[in-house]
């Protein structure tokens, strides 16, 4: 009795490749989704952050507002900086409709009815930190309601907008 070698079925080989490909695809999708969620950063206005404070605690957040100059406290010995920011709109169309960023920052700094949030930052005091500056910060909201800023970017658009006519004339 001679027995002929049994050849593997071609359909079984194809199924192994299909199953293997599906498993690799699922693993890649899982890695993309999990890394995206871990690095997600929310960009909020002061008003939105105050409204969602309990859900946002401990999450990486980027927030923007106008610096209230009389609230700035800096300790050079410990490099501890605290200040308060007030709400400004996050929509560029709304900012333009209100007269531009310089006007929005000025008006917001004078309006005591706007939502505010206290900010704590450790580092050298930036030169542009002054009344009516726009602060764009990245950090986390603490359980005490204070925003712990890791990164601090300050813009003073009124200074730049005033310089434009002089540059155009020259």
N, C-alpha and C. Protein backbone atom coordinates (compact mmCIF):
# COMPACT_ATOMS: atom_id res chain seq x y z
N UNK A 1 0.83 -1.18 0.00
CA UNK A 1 0.00 0.00 0.00
C UNK A 1 0.87 1.23 0.00
N UNK A 2 0.75 1.89 -1.00
CA UNK A 2 1.48 3.15 -1.03
C UNK A 2 0.49 4.27 -0.82
N UNK A 3 0.90 5.11 0.00
CA UNK A 3 -0.01 6.24 0.26
C UNK A 3 0.60 7.49 -0.35
N UNK A 4 -0.20 8.19 -1.05
CA UNK A 4 0.24 9.44 -1.68
C UNK A 4 0.26 10.53 -0.61
N UNK A 5 1.25 11.40 -0.70
CA UNK A 5 1.28 12.48 0.29
C UNK A 5 0.03 13.36 0.17
N UNK A 6 -0.44 13.72 1.32
CA UNK A 6 -1.64 14.56 1.35
C UNK A 6 -1.19 16.02 1.27
N UNK A 7 -1.68 16.69 0.29
CA UNK A 7 -1.34 18.10 0.15
C UNK A 7 -2.28 18.94 1.00
N UNK A 8 -1.71 19.96 1.66
CA UNK A 8 -2.59 20.83 2.45
C UNK A 8 -3.55 21.57 1.54
N UNK A 9 -4.69 21.79 2.09
CA UNK A 9 -5.70 22.50 1.31
C UNK A 9 -5.30 23.96 1.14
N UNK A 10 -5.46 24.47 -0.06
CA UNK A 10 -5.09 25.86 -0.34
C UNK A 10 -5.99 26.83 0.43
N UNK A 11 -7.22 26.48 0.61
CA UNK A 11 -8.15 27.35 1.32
C UNK A 11 -7.72 27.58 2.76
N UNK A 12 -7.12 26.58 3.39
CA UNK A 12 -6.66 26.70 4.77
C UNK A 12 -5.51 27.68 4.86
N UNK A 13 -4.57 27.66 3.88
CA UNK A 13 -3.44 28.57 3.86
C UNK A 13 -3.93 30.01 3.69
N UNK A 14 -4.87 30.24 2.84
CA UNK A 14 -5.42 31.57 2.61
C UNK A 14 -6.10 32.07 3.88
N UNK A 15 -6.83 31.22 4.56
CA UNK A 15 -7.52 31.62 5.79
C UNK A 15 -6.52 32.05 6.86
N UNK A 16 -5.37 31.38 6.96
CA UNK A 16 -4.35 31.76 7.95
C UNK A 16 -3.85 33.17 7.66
N UNK A 17 -3.63 33.50 6.39
CA UNK A 17 -3.15 34.83 6.05
C UNK A 17 -4.22 35.90 6.31
N UNK A 18 -5.45 35.57 6.01
CA UNK A 18 -6.54 36.52 6.24
C UNK A 18 -6.70 36.77 7.74
N UNK A 19 -6.70 35.71 8.53
CA UNK A 19 -6.84 35.85 9.99
C UNK A 19 -5.64 36.62 10.55
N UNK A 20 -4.44 36.30 10.09
CA UNK A 20 -3.25 37.01 10.56
C UNK A 20 -3.31 38.49 10.19
N UNK A 21 -3.75 38.80 8.99
CA UNK A 21 -3.87 40.20 8.55
C UNK A 21 -4.90 40.95 9.37
N UNK A 22 -6.01 40.30 9.67
CA UNK A 22 -7.06 40.94 10.49
C UNK A 22 -6.53 41.22 11.89
N UNK A 23 -5.80 40.26 12.47
CA UNK A 23 -5.25 40.47 13.81
C UNK A 23 -4.25 41.63 13.84
N UNK A 24 -3.42 41.73 12.81
CA UNK A 24 -2.47 42.84 12.75
C UNK A 24 -3.21 44.17 12.60
N UNK A 25 -4.23 44.21 11.75
CA UNK A 25 -5.02 45.42 11.56
C UNK A 25 -5.71 45.85 12.85
N UNK A 26 -6.28 44.90 13.59
CA UNK A 26 -6.93 45.20 14.86
C UNK A 26 -5.91 45.75 15.86
N UNK A 27 -4.72 45.17 15.89
CA UNK A 27 -3.68 45.65 16.81
C UNK A 27 -3.25 47.07 16.46
N UNK A 28 -3.09 47.36 15.18
CA UNK A 28 -2.69 48.71 14.76
C UNK A 28 -3.79 49.72 15.12
N UNK A 29 -5.04 49.40 14.86
CA UNK A 29 -6.15 50.30 15.21
C UNK A 29 -6.19 50.53 16.71
N UNK A 30 -6.02 49.48 17.49
CA UNK A 30 -6.02 49.61 18.95
C UNK A 30 -4.91 50.54 19.42
N UNK A 31 -3.70 50.40 18.87
CA UNK A 31 -2.57 51.25 19.25
C UNK A 31 -2.82 52.71 18.88
N UNK A 32 -3.39 52.96 17.72
CA UNK A 32 -3.68 54.33 17.30
C UNK A 32 -4.71 54.97 18.22
N UNK A 33 -5.79 54.24 18.48
CA UNK A 33 -6.85 54.79 19.33
C UNK A 33 -6.35 55.04 20.75
N UNK A 34 -5.62 54.11 21.32
CA UNK A 34 -5.16 54.27 22.70
C UNK A 34 -4.14 55.39 22.83
N UNK A 35 -3.25 55.55 21.85
CA UNK A 35 -2.27 56.64 21.95
C UNK A 35 -2.93 58.00 21.70
N UNK A 36 -3.92 58.06 20.84
CA UNK A 36 -4.62 59.32 20.59
C UNK A 36 -5.38 59.76 21.83
N UNK A 37 -6.05 58.86 22.49
CA UNK A 37 -6.81 59.21 23.69
C UNK A 37 -5.89 59.63 24.82
N UNK A 38 -4.73 59.01 24.92
CA UNK A 38 -3.80 59.34 25.99
C UNK A 38 -3.18 60.72 25.81
N UNK A 39 -3.05 61.17 24.57
CA UNK A 39 -2.43 62.46 24.30
C UNK A 39 -3.45 63.54 23.97
N UNK A 40 -4.72 63.26 24.14
CA UNK A 40 -5.76 64.23 23.81
C UNK A 40 -5.63 65.45 24.70
N UNK A 41 -5.81 66.60 24.10
CA UNK A 41 -5.72 67.85 24.84
C UNK A 41 -6.95 68.68 24.49
N UNK A 42 -7.63 69.15 25.50
CA UNK A 42 -8.83 69.93 25.30
C UNK A 42 -8.48 71.41 25.25
N UNK A 43 -9.02 72.13 24.27
CA UNK A 43 -8.83 73.58 24.17
C UNK A 43 -10.15 74.22 24.60
N UNK A 44 -10.10 74.94 25.71
CA UNK A 44 -11.32 75.51 26.29
C UNK A 44 -11.16 76.99 26.58
N UNK A 45 -12.30 77.67 26.62
CA UNK A 45 -12.31 79.04 27.12
C UNK A 45 -12.46 78.96 28.64
N UNK A 46 -12.28 80.08 29.31
CA UNK A 46 -12.42 80.11 30.77
C UNK A 46 -13.84 79.71 31.16
N UNK A 47 -14.82 80.20 30.44
CA UNK A 47 -16.22 79.88 30.73
C UNK A 47 -16.47 78.37 30.61
N UNK A 48 -15.98 77.77 29.52
CA UNK A 48 -16.15 76.33 29.32
C UNK A 48 -15.44 75.52 30.40
N UNK A 49 -14.26 75.96 30.79
CA UNK A 49 -13.52 75.25 31.84
C UNK A 49 -14.27 75.32 33.17
N UNK A 50 -14.80 76.47 33.50
CA UNK A 50 -15.58 76.60 34.74
C UNK A 50 -16.83 75.72 34.71
N UNK A 51 -17.49 75.65 33.56
CA UNK A 51 -18.70 74.83 33.43
C UNK A 51 -18.41 73.34 33.51
N UNK A 52 -17.23 72.92 33.09
CA UNK A 52 -16.88 71.49 33.04
C UNK A 52 -15.79 71.14 34.04
N UNK A 53 -15.66 71.93 35.08
CA UNK A 53 -14.53 71.79 36.02
C UNK A 53 -14.39 70.37 36.57
N UNK A 54 -15.48 69.75 36.99
CA UNK A 54 -15.36 68.42 37.61
C UNK A 54 -14.90 67.36 36.60
N UNK A 55 -15.36 67.46 35.35
CA UNK A 55 -14.94 66.47 34.33
C UNK A 55 -13.52 66.71 33.85
N UNK A 56 -13.03 67.94 33.95
CA UNK A 56 -11.72 68.29 33.40
C UNK A 56 -10.57 68.17 34.39
N UNK A 57 -10.86 67.93 35.65
CA UNK A 57 -9.78 67.84 36.64
C UNK A 57 -8.80 66.73 36.26
N UNK A 58 -7.53 67.08 36.27
CA UNK A 58 -6.48 66.11 36.00
C UNK A 58 -6.21 65.85 34.54
N UNK A 59 -7.02 66.39 33.63
CA UNK A 59 -6.81 66.19 32.21
C UNK A 59 -5.93 67.30 31.64
N UNK A 60 -5.23 66.98 30.58
CA UNK A 60 -4.41 67.98 29.91
C UNK A 60 -5.32 68.95 29.17
N UNK A 61 -5.18 70.23 29.48
CA UNK A 61 -6.09 71.25 28.95
C UNK A 61 -5.26 72.42 28.44
N UNK A 62 -5.76 73.04 27.40
CA UNK A 62 -5.21 74.32 26.93
C UNK A 62 -6.34 75.33 27.09
N UNK A 63 -6.03 76.43 27.76
CA UNK A 63 -7.04 77.46 28.04
C UNK A 63 -6.47 78.82 27.70
N UNK A 64 -7.36 79.72 27.29
CA UNK A 64 -6.95 81.07 26.93
C UNK A 64 -7.84 82.08 27.62
N UNK A 65 -7.24 83.19 28.03
CA UNK A 65 -8.00 84.25 28.67
C UNK A 65 -7.17 85.51 28.75
N UNK A 66 -7.77 86.57 29.29
CA UNK A 66 -7.08 87.85 29.43
C UNK A 66 -6.55 87.97 30.86
N UNK A 67 -5.30 88.39 30.99
CA UNK A 67 -4.67 88.55 32.30
C UNK A 67 -5.23 89.79 32.99
N UNK A 68 -5.62 89.61 34.24
CA UNK A 68 -6.06 90.72 35.08
C UNK A 68 -4.84 91.19 35.86
N UNK A 69 -4.30 92.33 35.47
CA UNK A 69 -3.02 92.82 35.97
C UNK A 69 -2.91 92.95 37.47
N UNK A 70 -4.00 93.37 38.14
CA UNK A 70 -3.92 93.56 39.59
C UNK A 70 -3.88 92.25 40.36
N UNK A 71 -4.01 91.12 39.67
CA UNK A 71 -3.99 89.82 40.36
C UNK A 71 -2.62 89.14 40.31
N UNK A 72 -1.66 89.72 39.61
CA UNK A 72 -0.35 89.10 39.41
C UNK A 72 0.47 89.15 40.70
N UNK A 73 0.89 87.96 41.16
CA UNK A 73 1.75 87.85 42.35
C UNK A 73 2.92 86.94 41.96
N UNK A 74 4.15 87.46 42.13
CA UNK A 74 5.34 86.69 41.75
C UNK A 74 6.32 86.67 42.91
N UNK A 75 6.80 85.47 43.24
CA UNK A 75 7.82 85.30 44.27
C UNK A 75 9.10 84.85 43.56
N UNK A 76 10.06 85.75 43.42
CA UNK A 76 11.29 85.45 42.70
C UNK A 76 12.13 84.37 43.39
N UNK A 77 12.02 84.27 44.71
CA UNK A 77 12.81 83.27 45.44
C UNK A 77 12.37 81.85 45.11
N UNK A 78 11.07 81.63 44.97
CA UNK A 78 10.55 80.29 44.68
C UNK A 78 10.12 80.12 43.23
N UNK A 79 10.22 81.21 42.44
CA UNK A 79 9.75 81.23 41.05
C UNK A 79 8.27 80.86 40.95
N UNK A 80 7.51 81.25 41.94
CA UNK A 80 6.08 80.97 41.98
C UNK A 80 5.31 82.18 41.46
N UNK A 81 4.46 81.93 40.48
CA UNK A 81 3.69 82.99 39.85
C UNK A 81 2.21 82.61 39.89
N UNK A 82 1.38 83.51 40.37
CA UNK A 82 -0.06 83.31 40.34
C UNK A 82 -0.71 84.56 39.75
N UNK A 83 -1.77 84.34 39.03
CA UNK A 83 -2.55 85.44 38.46
C UNK A 83 -3.92 84.91 38.06
N UNK A 84 -4.80 85.81 37.72
CA UNK A 84 -6.16 85.45 37.33
C UNK A 84 -6.36 85.83 35.87
N UNK A 85 -7.08 84.97 35.15
CA UNK A 85 -7.48 85.30 33.78
C UNK A 85 -9.00 85.33 33.72
N UNK A 86 -9.49 86.18 32.82
CA UNK A 86 -10.93 86.28 32.59
C UNK A 86 -11.26 85.74 31.21
N UNK A 87 -12.51 85.40 31.04
CA UNK A 87 -13.00 84.80 29.80
C UNK A 87 -12.89 85.75 28.61
N UNK A 88 -12.43 85.22 27.49
CA UNK A 88 -12.53 85.87 26.19
C UNK A 88 -13.09 84.84 25.23
N UNK A 89 -13.79 85.26 24.18
CA UNK A 89 -14.35 84.29 23.24
C UNK A 89 -13.26 83.46 22.57
N UNK A 90 -13.60 82.25 22.21
CA UNK A 90 -12.66 81.37 21.54
C UNK A 90 -12.83 81.35 20.03
N UNK A 91 -13.89 81.99 19.53
CA UNK A 91 -14.20 81.98 18.11
C UNK A 91 -13.66 83.25 17.45
N UNK A 92 -12.82 83.09 16.42
CA UNK A 92 -12.22 84.24 15.75
C UNK A 92 -13.25 85.16 15.10
N UNK A 93 -14.33 84.59 14.57
CA UNK A 93 -15.37 85.41 13.95
C UNK A 93 -16.03 86.31 15.00
N UNK A 94 -16.27 85.76 16.17
CA UNK A 94 -16.85 86.54 17.25
C UNK A 94 -15.89 87.64 17.71
N UNK A 95 -14.61 87.32 17.78
CA UNK A 95 -13.60 88.31 18.18
C UNK A 95 -13.56 89.46 17.18
N UNK A 96 -13.59 89.13 15.89
CA UNK A 96 -13.58 90.17 14.86
C UNK A 96 -14.85 91.01 14.93
N UNK A 97 -15.99 90.38 15.17
CA UNK A 97 -17.26 91.12 15.28
C UNK A 97 -17.26 92.07 16.47
N UNK A 98 -16.48 91.76 17.49
CA UNK A 98 -16.40 92.61 18.69
C UNK A 98 -15.33 93.70 18.57
N UNK A 99 -14.67 93.80 17.42
CA UNK A 99 -13.70 94.86 17.21
C UNK A 99 -12.25 94.44 17.19
N UNK A 100 -11.98 93.15 17.19
CA UNK A 100 -10.61 92.65 17.15
C UNK A 100 -10.12 92.24 18.53
N UNK A 101 -8.98 91.55 18.54
CA UNK A 101 -8.45 90.99 19.77
C UNK A 101 -8.09 92.06 20.80
N UNK A 102 -7.48 93.17 20.37
CA UNK A 102 -7.10 94.21 21.33
C UNK A 102 -8.33 94.76 22.06
N UNK A 103 -9.40 94.98 21.32
CA UNK A 103 -10.63 95.50 21.93
C UNK A 103 -11.26 94.47 22.86
N UNK A 104 -11.26 93.21 22.45
CA UNK A 104 -11.82 92.13 23.28
C UNK A 104 -11.04 92.01 24.59
N UNK A 105 -9.70 92.04 24.51
CA UNK A 105 -8.88 91.93 25.72
C UNK A 105 -9.12 93.11 26.65
N UNK A 106 -9.18 94.32 26.10
CA UNK A 106 -9.40 95.51 26.92
C UNK A 106 -10.77 95.46 27.60
N UNK A 107 -11.80 95.16 26.84
CA UNK A 107 -13.16 95.10 27.39
C UNK A 107 -13.28 94.01 28.45
N UNK A 108 -12.71 92.85 28.18
CA UNK A 108 -12.80 91.73 29.13
C UNK A 108 -12.07 92.03 30.43
N UNK A 109 -10.95 92.76 30.34
CA UNK A 109 -10.19 93.06 31.55
C UNK A 109 -10.94 94.02 32.48
N UNK A 110 -11.91 94.75 31.94
CA UNK A 110 -12.67 95.72 32.73
C UNK A 110 -14.02 95.18 33.21
N UNK A 111 -14.41 94.00 32.74
CA UNK A 111 -15.75 93.45 33.04
C UNK A 111 -15.68 92.48 34.23
N UNK A 112 -16.12 92.90 35.42
CA UNK A 112 -16.04 92.02 36.59
C UNK A 112 -17.07 90.88 36.58
N UNK A 113 -18.00 90.90 35.62
CA UNK A 113 -19.03 89.85 35.57
C UNK A 113 -18.58 88.62 34.79
N UNK A 114 -17.45 88.70 34.09
CA UNK A 114 -16.99 87.57 33.29
C UNK A 114 -16.44 86.46 34.18
N UNK A 115 -16.57 85.20 33.73
CA UNK A 115 -15.96 84.10 34.48
C UNK A 115 -14.45 84.24 34.53
N UNK A 116 -13.86 83.85 35.65
CA UNK A 116 -12.41 83.93 35.83
C UNK A 116 -11.89 82.60 36.36
N UNK A 117 -10.58 82.45 36.28
CA UNK A 117 -9.93 81.29 36.88
C UNK A 117 -8.53 81.71 37.33
N UNK A 118 -8.13 81.18 38.48
CA UNK A 118 -6.80 81.49 38.99
C UNK A 118 -5.81 80.51 38.38
N UNK A 119 -4.61 81.04 38.08
CA UNK A 119 -3.55 80.27 37.43
C UNK A 119 -2.33 80.25 38.33
N UNK A 120 -1.68 79.10 38.41
CA UNK A 120 -0.42 78.96 39.13
C UNK A 120 0.61 78.43 38.14
N UNK A 121 1.78 79.08 38.13
CA UNK A 121 2.85 78.70 37.21
C UNK A 121 4.17 78.79 37.95
N UNK A 122 5.04 77.82 37.76
CA UNK A 122 6.37 77.85 38.37
C UNK A 122 7.40 78.08 37.27
N UNK A 123 8.10 79.18 37.39
CA UNK A 123 9.11 79.53 36.41
C UNK A 123 9.38 81.02 36.47
N UNK A 124 10.27 81.45 35.61
CA UNK A 124 10.63 82.85 35.53
C UNK A 124 9.43 83.65 35.03
N UNK A 125 9.23 84.83 35.62
CA UNK A 125 8.11 85.68 35.20
C UNK A 125 8.36 86.19 33.78
N UNK A 126 7.42 85.92 32.87
CA UNK A 126 7.58 86.41 31.50
C UNK A 126 7.46 87.93 31.44
N UNK A 127 8.21 88.56 30.55
CA UNK A 127 8.17 90.01 30.39
C UNK A 127 6.79 90.51 29.94
N UNK A 128 6.10 89.73 29.13
CA UNK A 128 4.80 90.16 28.60
C UNK A 128 3.64 89.94 29.56
N UNK A 129 3.92 89.43 30.76
CA UNK A 129 2.84 89.21 31.72
C UNK A 129 2.44 90.55 32.32
N UNK A 130 1.33 91.07 31.83
CA UNK A 130 0.81 92.35 32.32
C UNK A 130 -0.68 92.41 32.06
N UNK A 131 -1.30 93.44 32.55
CA UNK A 131 -2.73 93.63 32.37
C UNK A 131 -3.09 93.65 30.89
N UNK A 132 -4.17 92.97 30.55
CA UNK A 132 -4.74 92.88 29.21
C UNK A 132 -3.96 92.01 28.24
N UNK A 133 -2.93 91.30 28.70
CA UNK A 133 -2.23 90.36 27.82
C UNK A 133 -3.08 89.11 27.65
N UNK A 134 -3.01 88.52 26.48
CA UNK A 134 -3.71 87.25 26.27
C UNK A 134 -2.79 86.13 26.73
N UNK A 135 -3.29 85.30 27.63
CA UNK A 135 -2.53 84.15 28.13
C UNK A 135 -3.10 82.88 27.52
N UNK A 136 -2.22 82.10 26.91
CA UNK A 136 -2.59 80.79 26.38
C UNK A 136 -1.74 79.79 27.14
N UNK A 137 -2.41 78.92 27.90
CA UNK A 137 -1.69 78.03 28.81
C UNK A 137 -2.07 76.58 28.59
N UNK A 138 -1.11 75.72 28.83
CA UNK A 138 -1.33 74.28 28.83
C UNK A 138 -1.05 73.78 30.24
N UNK A 139 -1.93 72.93 30.75
CA UNK A 139 -1.74 72.39 32.09
C UNK A 139 -2.94 71.58 32.52
N UNK A 140 -3.14 71.54 33.84
CA UNK A 140 -4.23 70.74 34.41
C UNK A 140 -4.96 71.54 35.48
N UNK A 141 -6.24 71.29 35.57
CA UNK A 141 -7.05 71.92 36.61
C UNK A 141 -6.95 71.08 37.86
N UNK A 142 -6.54 71.70 38.96
CA UNK A 142 -6.41 70.99 40.22
C UNK A 142 -7.75 70.85 40.93
N UNK A 143 -7.79 69.99 41.93
CA UNK A 143 -9.01 69.77 42.71
C UNK A 143 -9.43 71.04 43.45
N UNK A 144 -8.48 71.94 43.70
CA UNK A 144 -8.78 73.20 44.37
C UNK A 144 -9.32 74.27 43.42
N UNK A 145 -9.46 73.93 42.13
CA UNK A 145 -9.99 74.87 41.15
C UNK A 145 -8.96 75.79 40.55
N UNK A 146 -7.69 75.62 40.92
CA UNK A 146 -6.61 76.44 40.38
C UNK A 146 -6.01 75.71 39.17
N UNK A 147 -5.80 76.45 38.10
CA UNK A 147 -5.20 75.89 36.90
C UNK A 147 -3.69 75.86 37.06
N UNK A 148 -3.11 74.67 37.03
CA UNK A 148 -1.66 74.48 37.17
C UNK A 148 -1.05 74.49 35.77
N UNK A 149 -0.47 75.61 35.37
CA UNK A 149 0.08 75.76 34.02
C UNK A 149 1.48 75.16 33.92
N UNK A 150 1.68 74.33 32.90
CA UNK A 150 3.00 73.79 32.59
C UNK A 150 3.69 74.67 31.54
N UNK A 151 2.89 75.19 30.62
CA UNK A 151 3.39 76.06 29.56
C UNK A 151 2.58 77.35 29.59
N UNK A 152 3.25 78.45 29.33
CA UNK A 152 2.60 79.75 29.38
C UNK A 152 3.07 80.58 28.19
N UNK A 153 2.12 80.95 27.34
CA UNK A 153 2.40 81.79 26.18
C UNK A 153 1.59 83.07 26.34
N UNK A 154 2.24 84.20 26.20
CA UNK A 154 1.56 85.48 26.35
C UNK A 154 1.65 86.28 25.06
N UNK A 155 0.53 86.90 24.73
CA UNK A 155 0.46 87.75 23.54
C UNK A 155 -0.10 89.09 23.95
N UNK A 156 0.44 90.13 23.38
CA UNK A 156 -0.03 91.48 23.66
C UNK A 156 -0.38 92.13 22.33
N UNK A 157 -1.54 91.79 21.74
CA UNK A 157 -1.87 92.27 20.40
C UNK A 157 -2.02 93.78 20.29
N UNK A 158 -2.39 94.47 21.35
CA UNK A 158 -2.57 95.91 21.25
C UNK A 158 -1.25 96.59 20.89
N UNK A 159 -0.15 96.08 21.40
CA UNK A 159 1.15 96.64 21.09
C UNK A 159 1.48 96.47 19.61
N UNK A 160 1.15 95.31 19.06
CA UNK A 160 1.46 95.05 17.66
C UNK A 160 0.49 95.77 16.73
N UNK A 161 -0.77 95.86 17.09
CA UNK A 161 -1.74 96.54 16.24
C UNK A 161 -1.46 98.03 16.14
N UNK A 162 -0.97 98.65 17.21
CA UNK A 162 -0.64 100.06 17.18
C UNK A 162 0.56 100.34 16.30
N UNK A 163 1.46 99.38 16.16
CA UNK A 163 2.68 99.56 15.37
C UNK A 163 2.43 99.47 13.88
N UNK A 164 1.34 98.82 13.46
CA UNK A 164 1.09 98.59 12.04
C UNK A 164 0.97 99.89 11.24
N UNK A 165 0.17 100.90 11.66
CA UNK A 165 0.08 102.13 10.86
C UNK A 165 1.43 102.83 10.69
N UNK A 166 2.27 102.85 11.72
CA UNK A 166 3.58 103.49 11.63
C UNK A 166 4.45 102.76 10.60
N UNK A 167 4.37 101.44 10.58
CA UNK A 167 5.16 100.67 9.63
C UNK A 167 4.68 100.92 8.22
N UNK A 168 3.36 101.05 8.03
CA UNK A 168 2.80 101.24 6.69
C UNK A 168 3.17 102.60 6.12
N UNK A 169 3.29 103.60 6.99
CA UNK A 169 3.62 104.95 6.52
C UNK A 169 5.09 105.06 6.10
N UNK A 170 5.96 104.31 6.81
CA UNK A 170 7.41 104.44 6.58
C UNK A 170 7.87 103.81 5.38
